Protein backbone atom coordinates (compact mmCIF):
# COMPACT_ATOMS: atom_id res chain seq x y z
CA MET A 1 86.24 329.09 223.31
CA LYS A 2 84.68 326.72 220.81
CA LYS A 3 87.07 324.19 219.31
CA ILE A 4 87.19 323.70 215.54
CA PHE A 5 87.38 320.11 214.33
CA THR A 6 88.78 319.53 210.88
CA LEU A 7 89.15 316.47 208.66
CA PHE A 8 92.30 315.92 206.64
CA ILE A 9 92.26 313.02 204.19
CA SER A 10 94.32 311.92 201.22
CA LEU A 11 92.84 312.55 197.78
CA ALA A 12 92.45 308.81 197.23
CA ALA A 13 89.95 308.63 200.07
CA LEU A 14 87.59 311.22 198.59
CA ASN A 15 87.75 310.43 194.90
CA LEU A 16 84.01 311.05 194.62
CA PHE A 17 83.80 311.72 190.95
CA ALA A 18 85.75 308.91 189.31
CA MET A 19 82.91 306.44 189.92
CA SER A 20 79.37 305.86 188.73
CA PRO A 21 76.67 308.33 189.90
CA HIS A 22 75.31 305.79 192.40
CA LYS A 23 78.75 305.15 193.89
CA ASN A 24 79.41 308.89 193.94
CA ALA A 25 76.27 309.48 195.99
CA GLN A 26 77.00 306.54 198.27
CA LEU A 27 80.56 307.70 198.90
CA ALA A 28 79.33 311.22 199.66
CA MET A 29 76.94 309.83 202.30
CA LEU A 30 79.73 307.64 203.65
CA ASN A 31 82.06 310.62 204.04
CA GLN A 32 79.35 312.61 205.78
CA LYS A 33 79.00 309.80 208.32
CA LEU A 34 82.77 309.54 208.76
CA THR A 35 82.91 313.28 209.36
CA ARG A 36 80.26 313.10 212.07
CA GLU A 37 82.06 310.19 213.72
CA GLY A 38 85.41 311.97 213.53
CA VAL A 39 84.05 315.15 215.12
CA ALA A 40 82.39 313.14 217.89
CA VAL A 41 85.60 311.19 218.57
CA CYS A 42 87.63 314.41 218.68
CA LYS A 43 85.22 315.92 221.21
CA GLU A 44 85.27 312.78 223.33
CA HIS A 45 89.07 312.54 223.45
CA GLY A 46 89.93 316.26 223.40
CA TYR A 47 91.62 316.55 220.00
CA ARG A 48 91.29 319.22 217.32
CA TYR A 49 92.10 317.28 214.15
CA PHE A 50 91.47 313.83 212.78
CA ILE A 51 92.71 311.96 209.74
CA ILE A 52 90.93 308.98 208.23
CA LYS A 53 93.42 306.12 208.45
CA SER A 54 91.05 303.49 207.04
CA TYR A 55 87.43 302.50 206.59
CA GLN A 56 85.42 299.55 205.26
CA GLU A 57 81.68 299.19 204.76
CA SER A 58 79.36 296.25 204.11
CA SER A 59 77.39 297.18 200.97
CA LYS A 60 77.74 295.23 197.73
CA ASN A 61 80.15 297.93 196.52
CA ARG A 62 82.47 297.15 199.46
CA LEU A 63 83.81 300.69 199.61
CA SER A 64 87.05 300.80 201.56
CA PHE A 65 90.16 302.88 202.09
CA GLU A 66 93.52 302.11 203.70
CA SER A 67 96.23 304.76 203.99
CA ASP A 68 99.75 303.48 203.51
CA THR A 69 101.28 306.86 202.63
CA MET A 70 100.53 309.04 205.62
CA GLU A 71 103.39 309.31 208.07
CA LEU A 72 101.59 311.27 210.75
CA ASN A 73 101.93 311.24 214.51
CA GLY A 74 98.88 310.91 216.71
CA ASP A 75 96.65 308.52 218.60
CA LEU A 76 94.95 305.76 216.61
CA ILE A 77 91.26 305.26 217.43
CA SER A 78 89.08 302.55 215.85
CA GLY A 79 85.34 302.09 215.93
CA GLN A 80 82.22 300.72 214.27
CA THR A 81 78.89 302.27 213.33
CA THR A 82 76.21 302.12 210.63
CA TYR A 83 75.27 304.59 207.90
CA SER A 84 72.43 305.01 205.42
CA THR A 85 73.08 305.36 201.69
CA HIS A 86 71.28 307.75 199.34
CA LEU A 87 68.87 304.87 198.63
CA GLY A 88 67.95 304.56 202.31
CA LYS A 89 69.76 301.25 202.85
CA GLU A 90 71.71 300.83 206.08
CA HIS A 91 75.18 299.26 206.13
CA ASP A 92 77.86 298.49 208.71
CA LEU A 93 80.91 300.75 208.75
CA SER A 94 84.24 300.21 210.51
CA TYR A 95 86.88 302.93 210.65
CA SER A 96 90.12 304.08 212.23
CA PHE A 97 91.19 307.69 212.78
CA ILE A 98 94.49 309.32 213.69
CA LEU A 99 93.81 312.05 216.26
CA THR A 100 96.14 315.00 216.78
CA ASN A 101 96.17 318.56 218.11
CA LYS A 102 98.69 319.75 215.51
CA LYS A 103 97.71 320.53 211.94
CA PRO A 104 99.28 317.85 209.72
CA GLU A 105 102.01 319.02 207.36
CA SER A 106 102.17 316.37 204.64
CA GLU A 107 102.27 316.48 200.84
CA HIS A 108 99.85 313.53 200.87
CA VAL A 109 97.12 315.47 202.65
CA ASP A 110 94.92 317.93 200.76
CA ALA A 111 94.34 320.33 203.61
CA ARG A 112 92.71 323.16 201.68
CA SER A 113 89.94 321.72 199.51
CA ILE A 114 88.98 318.84 201.77
CA ASN A 115 88.75 321.14 204.77
CA ILE A 116 86.39 323.39 202.83
CA LEU A 117 84.25 320.48 201.63
CA ILE A 118 83.90 319.12 205.13
CA GLU A 119 82.82 322.51 206.43
CA GLY A 120 80.02 322.23 203.89
CA TYR A 121 79.12 318.76 205.16
CA LYS A 122 79.09 319.99 208.75
CA GLU A 123 76.82 322.92 207.92
CA SER A 124 74.47 320.65 205.98
CA TYR A 125 73.79 318.68 209.17
CA GLN A 126 72.05 321.69 210.70
CA LYS A 127 68.28 321.42 210.85
CA GLU A 128 67.73 325.17 210.64
CA PRO A 129 67.02 326.59 207.14
CA LEU A 130 70.17 327.88 205.49
CA PRO A 131 70.27 331.62 204.72
CA SER A 132 70.12 332.26 200.98
CA PHE A 133 72.36 334.83 199.31
CA SER A 134 71.81 333.52 195.78
CA ILE A 135 68.93 333.94 193.32
CA GLU A 136 66.90 330.92 192.24
CA VAL A 137 65.73 331.03 188.61
CA SER A 138 63.09 328.68 187.26
CA SER A 139 64.04 328.35 183.60
CA PRO A 140 66.74 329.12 181.00
CA LYS A 141 64.49 331.93 179.74
CA GLU A 142 64.43 333.61 183.16
CA LEU A 143 68.17 332.98 183.50
CA LYS A 144 68.82 334.76 180.20
CA LYS A 145 66.83 337.80 181.37
CA LYS A 146 68.67 337.92 184.70
CA ILE A 147 72.07 337.69 183.03
CA ALA A 148 71.12 340.47 180.56
CA ASN A 149 70.11 342.84 183.37
CA ILE A 150 72.96 342.21 185.79
CA HIS A 151 75.77 344.00 183.89
CA ARG A 152 78.47 342.27 185.94
CA PRO A 153 80.03 338.80 186.06
CA ALA A 154 77.63 336.07 187.16
CA ILE A 155 78.00 332.59 188.58
CA LEU A 156 75.39 329.91 188.00
CA LEU A 157 75.04 326.68 189.99
CA LEU A 158 73.26 323.83 188.20
CA TYR A 159 72.11 321.33 190.82
CA LYS A 160 69.57 318.65 191.82
CA GLU A 161 67.93 318.53 195.23
CA LYS A 162 68.37 314.74 195.56
CA CYS A 163 72.04 314.82 194.51
CA ALA A 164 74.27 314.09 197.54
CA PRO A 165 77.30 316.13 196.34
CA CYS A 166 74.92 319.01 195.49
CA ALA A 167 73.41 318.87 198.98
CA ALA A 168 76.87 318.85 200.55
CA PHE A 169 77.98 321.85 198.47
CA ALA A 170 74.76 323.89 198.93
CA PRO A 171 75.78 325.64 202.20
CA LEU A 172 79.20 326.41 200.75
CA TYR A 173 77.65 328.04 197.69
CA GLU A 174 75.58 330.32 199.92
CA LYS A 175 78.70 331.08 201.96
CA TYR A 176 80.57 332.11 198.82
CA ALA A 177 77.55 334.11 197.64
CA HIS A 178 77.67 336.02 200.92
CA GLU A 179 81.43 336.60 200.74
CA LEU A 180 81.68 337.44 197.02
CA GLY A 181 78.20 338.87 196.42
CA GLU A 182 79.54 342.36 195.81
CA LYS A 183 81.76 341.10 192.99
CA PHE A 184 79.48 338.57 191.26
CA ALA A 185 75.81 337.76 190.90
CA PHE A 186 75.05 334.27 192.24
CA LEU A 187 72.29 332.26 190.54
CA LYS A 188 70.88 328.72 190.84
CA LEU A 189 68.98 326.57 188.34
CA ASP A 190 67.73 322.98 188.21
CA ALA A 191 70.31 320.71 186.54
CA LYS A 192 67.67 319.32 184.17
CA TYR A 193 68.41 322.42 182.06
CA THR A 194 72.17 321.80 181.94
CA LYS A 195 72.41 320.86 178.26
CA GLU A 196 70.24 323.80 177.26
CA VAL A 197 72.34 326.25 179.29
CA ILE A 198 75.91 325.19 178.50
CA LYS A 199 75.19 323.74 175.01
CA LYS A 200 78.58 322.98 173.44
CA LYS A 201 80.66 324.90 175.97
CA SER A 202 81.69 321.73 177.80
CA LYS A 203 81.86 318.03 176.90
CA LYS A 204 81.96 317.06 180.57
CA SER A 205 78.93 316.51 182.76
CA GLY A 206 78.53 316.34 186.49
CA ARG A 207 76.58 317.52 189.49
CA PRO A 208 76.87 320.14 190.65
CA THR A 209 78.01 322.14 187.61
CA LEU A 210 79.30 325.70 187.88
CA VAL A 211 78.99 328.17 185.00
CA PHE A 212 80.88 331.49 185.00
CA TYR A 213 79.62 334.38 182.85
CA ASN A 214 81.58 337.53 182.01
CA LYS A 215 80.12 341.06 182.17
CA LYS A 216 78.70 340.67 178.66
CA GLY A 217 76.77 337.56 179.65
CA LYS A 218 79.00 335.17 177.73
CA ILE A 219 79.98 331.82 179.24
CA LYS A 220 83.71 331.83 180.03
CA THR A 221 84.12 328.76 182.25
CA VAL A 222 82.24 325.52 182.98
CA ILE A 223 83.42 323.39 185.93
CA THR A 224 82.03 319.96 186.81
CA ASP A 225 84.57 318.74 189.40
CA LEU A 226 83.63 319.68 192.96
CA LYS A 227 87.19 320.16 194.16
CA GLU A 228 87.86 322.44 191.17
CA ILE A 229 84.69 324.40 191.95
CA VAL A 230 85.89 324.97 195.49
CA GLY A 231 89.34 325.96 194.19
CA PHE A 232 87.69 328.42 191.76
CA PHE A 233 86.01 330.27 194.62
CA GLU A 234 89.04 330.17 196.88
CA ASP A 235 91.18 331.69 194.11
CA TRP A 236 88.70 334.57 193.75
CA LYS A 237 88.70 335.10 197.52
CA GLU A 238 92.48 335.32 197.42
CA GLU A 239 92.29 337.72 194.47
CA PHE A 240 90.00 340.06 196.42
CA HIS A 241 91.83 339.52 199.74
CA ILE A 242 88.80 337.95 201.42
CA LYS A 243 89.59 335.68 204.35
C-alpha cells in the first residue's frame, strides 16, 4: 500500500501573501522545495508526516522560520540543500523537520488548508500534462458569452502562467473542477483582464483570483487569498457531501 506523506506547518511559516509579489513567488518556490525534501526524508526514515520546525535560506531576503509554539512529539531531522527562485537564482537552504507517524493534533497547526495546498504542490511536480476539467476563455467578451449560456453558477480563475502561487494551485483547480463540475461551470482567464472582469466588485488584488457568479451571471464573490480560495471549495464539497 502506498504511503501518503503530508506537511503540517504553522500559518506563520506559509504567510505567502503578506509580502511583496517577488517575495511571495520566492516563498512559494521555497515551500515547494521544502515539501520535496520533507517527502524524501519521510520515505528514507519510514514516517508518514513531517512538520517544518525551522528553515533559513541565503538570498538577500534571508527568508527564515523558527517554530517556538509547536509542542509536538517526533524525531528531529536536519539537513541542507539548494533551491532555485522564480528568477532562476540558486540559494542555500538549511532546514529541520519533526517526523512522526501520528497526525498532529495542535491548535497551532493548520492541518486542513495547508494539507490541500501541499497536495497541489506535489501534483505540480509531475511531468505529465494535467487533465483539464475547466474551460479556458481568451477574452472578457468570450467569458461574457459563456456565462450567459451556462444558466448555472460559474467559477472563474484569473491566473498568470509565470505566477508561482498560480502554478501551485493549478492542479487543485482542475481537481475541484472534476469533483464539483456537475454543480458549477469552471472557467479560466488570463489575469491581465482582472480589472476589466471584476471592475469595482473588489478593492483587493492578488494572483490567483477567484470569481464566483450566480445563476444569473452576476458576480457574488471575489477571493484573492489562496487559503480562502481553498476554504471556499472545501466548504462547497462539504455542502454537497463530496469527500
